[in-house]
Amino acid sequence: GRADDGLDPTPDPAAVVTSGQARFTVLSEFIIRMQFGQSHDEPTFAFLNRRMPVPAFSKAMDGDWLLINTTSLRLRYLTTSQPATFSEENLQVAVVSTERTWKPVPTFNIT
């Protein structure tokens, strides 16, 4: 953000977990920002300011899987995966309250 607006799109380093080209930023117990490849810390509509108190979360390894847990989310990322992006094979996010799991779906260019 501008020096006089008090906003900073750069997160606290303690909220960031990296693995290879993958970068995860724990923004709240409900939101984990996921980036693959080059990371940018520009303000977004949802988060103009990412320099906030770091939410409680844990990170651990289970074999080749990186685990990031908040009170509301359970993220699993396969650190040895070869795709050049996130895929349904290497990334899963479970919502604790519903036990539902989200996985990325392939995107297609439609012209």
Protein backbone atom coordinates (compact mmCIF):
# COMPACT_ATOMS: atom_id res chain seq x y z
CA GLY A 1 0.00 0.00 0.00
CA ARG A 2 0.98 3.65 -0.03
CA ALA A 3 3.12 4.82 2.85
CA ASP A 4 0.29 6.95 4.24
CA ASP A 5 -2.65 4.51 3.99
CA GLY A 6 -1.49 2.03 6.64
CA LEU A 7 -2.08 -0.92 4.32
CA ASP A 8 0.58 -3.49 3.52
CA PRO A 9 -0.12 -6.30 1.02
CA THR A 10 2.99 -8.18 2.19
CA PRO A 11 2.07 -10.84 4.77
CA ASP A 12 3.94 -11.44 8.00
CA PRO A 13 6.64 -14.02 7.13
CA ALA A 14 5.39 -16.17 10.02
CA ALA A 15 2.10 -16.66 8.10
CA VAL A 16 3.87 -17.99 4.99
CA VAL A 17 4.75 -21.64 4.32
CA THR A 18 6.73 -22.54 1.20
CA SER A 19 7.59 -25.85 -0.42
CA GLY A 20 9.45 -25.71 -3.73
CA GLN A 21 7.40 -23.46 -6.02
CA ALA A 22 4.32 -23.67 -3.78
CA ARG A 23 3.57 -20.85 -1.37
CA PHE A 24 0.77 -20.90 1.20
CA THR A 25 -0.21 -17.84 3.22
CA VAL A 26 -2.48 -18.38 6.22
CA LEU A 27 -4.65 -15.25 6.19
CA SER A 28 -7.29 -16.43 8.65
CA GLU A 29 -8.52 -19.71 10.12
CA PHE A 30 -10.85 -19.91 7.08
CA ILE A 31 -8.57 -18.63 4.29
CA ILE A 32 -5.25 -20.00 3.03
CA ARG A 33 -3.91 -18.22 -0.03
CA MET A 34 -2.29 -20.71 -2.43
CA GLN A 35 0.23 -19.67 -5.08
CA PHE A 36 2.39 -21.72 -7.40
CA GLY A 37 5.39 -20.35 -9.26
CA GLN A 38 6.15 -16.66 -8.99
CA SER A 39 4.40 -15.12 -5.98
CA HIS A 40 3.01 -11.59 -5.93
CA ASP A 41 1.96 -9.62 -2.89
CA GLU A 42 -0.41 -7.13 -4.47
CA PRO A 43 -3.55 -6.00 -2.67
CA THR A 44 -6.76 -7.79 -3.62
CA PHE A 45 -10.37 -6.89 -3.01
CA ALA A 46 -10.56 -9.49 -0.24
CA PHE A 47 -7.27 -8.52 1.43
CA LEU A 48 -6.01 -4.99 0.94
CA ASN A 49 -3.85 -5.50 4.02
CA ARG A 50 -2.10 -8.81 4.66
CA ARG A 51 0.13 -7.51 7.46
CA MET A 52 -2.19 -8.69 10.19
CA PRO A 53 -1.76 -10.80 13.30
CA VAL A 54 -0.76 -14.33 12.27
CA PRO A 55 -3.65 -16.76 12.80
CA ALA A 56 -3.02 -19.87 14.87
CA PHE A 57 -1.96 -22.73 12.61
CA SER A 58 0.37 -25.69 12.57
CA LYS A 59 2.58 -27.11 9.85
CA ALA A 60 4.10 -30.57 9.71
CA MET A 61 5.25 -33.24 7.30
CA ASP A 62 3.61 -36.66 6.94
CA GLY A 63 5.93 -38.52 4.59
CA ASP A 64 5.99 -36.39 1.42
CA TRP A 65 2.83 -34.50 2.37
CA LEU A 66 3.02 -30.97 3.81
CA LEU A 67 0.18 -30.45 6.29
CA ILE A 68 -1.11 -27.02 7.27
CA ASN A 69 -3.89 -27.02 9.86
CA THR A 70 -6.03 -24.21 11.22
CA THR A 71 -9.04 -24.68 13.48
CA SER A 72 -11.23 -24.69 10.34
CA LEU A 73 -9.09 -26.10 7.51
CA ARG A 74 -6.77 -29.04 6.87
CA LEU A 75 -4.51 -28.51 3.84
CA ARG A 76 -2.40 -31.34 2.35
CA TYR A 77 0.18 -30.73 -0.38
CA LEU A 78 2.33 -33.45 -1.97
CA THR A 79 5.80 -31.91 -1.96
CA THR A 80 7.27 -34.40 -4.44
CA SER A 81 4.67 -33.81 -7.16
CA GLN A 82 5.86 -32.97 -10.66
CA PRO A 83 2.99 -30.92 -12.15
CA ALA A 84 3.82 -27.31 -12.86
CA THR A 85 0.77 -26.23 -10.88
CA PHE A 86 -1.61 -27.41 -8.19
CA SER A 87 -3.70 -30.43 -9.16
CA GLU A 88 -6.26 -32.77 -7.68
CA GLU A 89 -3.44 -35.27 -7.14
CA ASN A 90 -1.19 -32.97 -5.12
CA LEU A 91 -3.47 -30.58 -3.19
CA GLN A 92 -6.45 -31.13 -0.90
CA VAL A 93 -8.19 -28.79 1.53
CA ALA A 94 -10.68 -30.26 3.98
CA VAL A 95 -13.21 -28.12 5.82
CA VAL A 96 -13.21 -29.35 9.42
CA SER A 97 -16.86 -28.54 10.21
CA THR A 98 -18.26 -30.38 7.19
CA GLU A 99 -15.56 -32.99 6.47
CA ARG A 100 -15.84 -31.96 2.80
CA THR A 101 -12.65 -31.83 0.76
CA TRP A 102 -11.84 -29.35 -1.98
CA LYS A 103 -9.39 -30.22 -4.77
CA PRO A 104 -8.29 -28.12 -7.73
CA VAL A 105 -9.90 -28.98 -11.02
CA PRO A 106 -8.14 -28.66 -14.37
CA THR A 107 -8.82 -25.45 -16.21
CA PHE A 108 -9.41 -25.30 -19.91
CA ASN A 109 -9.06 -22.39 -22.29
CA ILE A 110 -12.40 -21.86 -23.96
CA THR A 111 -12.33 -19.58 -26.97
